[in-house]
Amino acid sequence: MNHLNEENQDANISSEELLVSQPLLPRFAWEDERAFLREVIKAKQALDIAELTAIIWQKTNH
């Protein structure tokens, strides 16, 4: 059982390292205001789609 916990912990560390090594926002966007705004707009659109999907999902399951 302890062996499984060690593997799980290693997987968690790898995931955390991956998050640190890959920034949420591409580095070029921090240097260019237009690129930054494009990334913000893309993120907003993704959130809007997720919200609409959740609303549709709730309506079809109730």
Protein backbone atom coordinates (compact mmCIF):
# COMPACT_ATOMS: atom_id res chain seq x y z
CA MET A 1 0.00 0.00 0.00
CA ASN A 2 2.86 2.34 0.81
CA HIS A 3 4.28 1.77 -2.68
CA LEU A 4 1.04 3.07 -4.23
CA ASN A 5 1.15 6.18 -2.06
CA GLU A 6 4.71 6.88 -3.21
CA GLU A 7 3.70 6.55 -6.87
CA ASN A 8 0.71 8.83 -6.31
CA GLN A 9 2.92 11.38 -4.57
CA ASP A 10 5.41 11.24 -7.47
CA ALA A 11 2.55 11.84 -9.91
CA ASN A 12 1.39 14.84 -7.87
CA ILE A 13 4.87 16.31 -7.82
CA SER A 14 5.15 15.86 -11.58
CA SER A 15 1.83 17.66 -12.08
CA GLU A 16 2.91 20.53 -9.85
CA GLU A 17 6.24 20.80 -11.67
CA LEU A 18 4.38 20.82 -14.97
CA LEU A 19 2.16 23.69 -13.81
CA VAL A 20 5.20 25.70 -12.74
CA SER A 21 7.11 24.99 -15.94
CA GLN A 22 4.20 25.94 -18.23
CA PRO A 23 2.81 29.40 -17.44
CA LEU A 24 -0.89 29.96 -17.97
CA LEU A 25 -0.14 32.94 -20.17
CA PRO A 26 2.47 32.66 -22.92
CA ARG A 27 5.56 34.70 -22.11
CA PHE A 28 5.26 36.84 -25.25
CA ALA A 29 1.89 38.11 -24.03
CA TRP A 30 3.48 39.74 -21.00
CA GLU A 31 5.70 41.82 -23.27
CA ASP A 32 3.13 42.84 -25.90
CA GLU A 33 -0.06 44.59 -24.78
CA ARG A 34 -2.03 43.52 -27.87
CA ALA A 35 -0.99 39.89 -27.43
CA PHE A 36 -1.96 40.11 -23.76
CA LEU A 37 -5.41 41.45 -24.64
CA ARG A 38 -5.89 38.70 -27.26
CA GLU A 39 -5.12 36.08 -24.61
CA VAL A 40 -7.53 37.72 -22.15
CA ILE A 41 -10.28 37.73 -24.79
CA LYS A 42 -9.64 34.06 -25.62
CA ALA A 43 -9.84 33.19 -21.92
CA LYS A 44 -13.11 35.13 -21.55
CA GLN A 45 -14.59 33.34 -24.56
CA ALA A 46 -13.59 29.97 -23.09
CA LEU A 47 -15.25 30.87 -19.79
CA ASP A 48 -18.41 32.00 -21.60
CA ILE A 49 -18.58 28.71 -23.48
CA ALA A 50 -18.09 26.75 -20.25
CA GLU A 51 -20.85 28.74 -18.56
CA LEU A 52 -23.29 28.21 -21.44
CA THR A 53 -22.45 24.51 -21.53
CA ALA A 54 -23.16 24.23 -17.80
CA ILE A 55 -26.51 26.00 -18.21
CA ILE A 56 -27.52 23.73 -21.09
CA TRP A 57 -26.34 20.66 -19.16
CA GLN A 58 -28.43 21.64 -16.14
CA LYS A 59 -31.55 22.22 -18.25
CA THR A 60 -31.24 18.87 -20.03
CA ASN A 61 -30.67 16.94 -16.80
CA HIS A 62 -33.54 18.41 -14.77
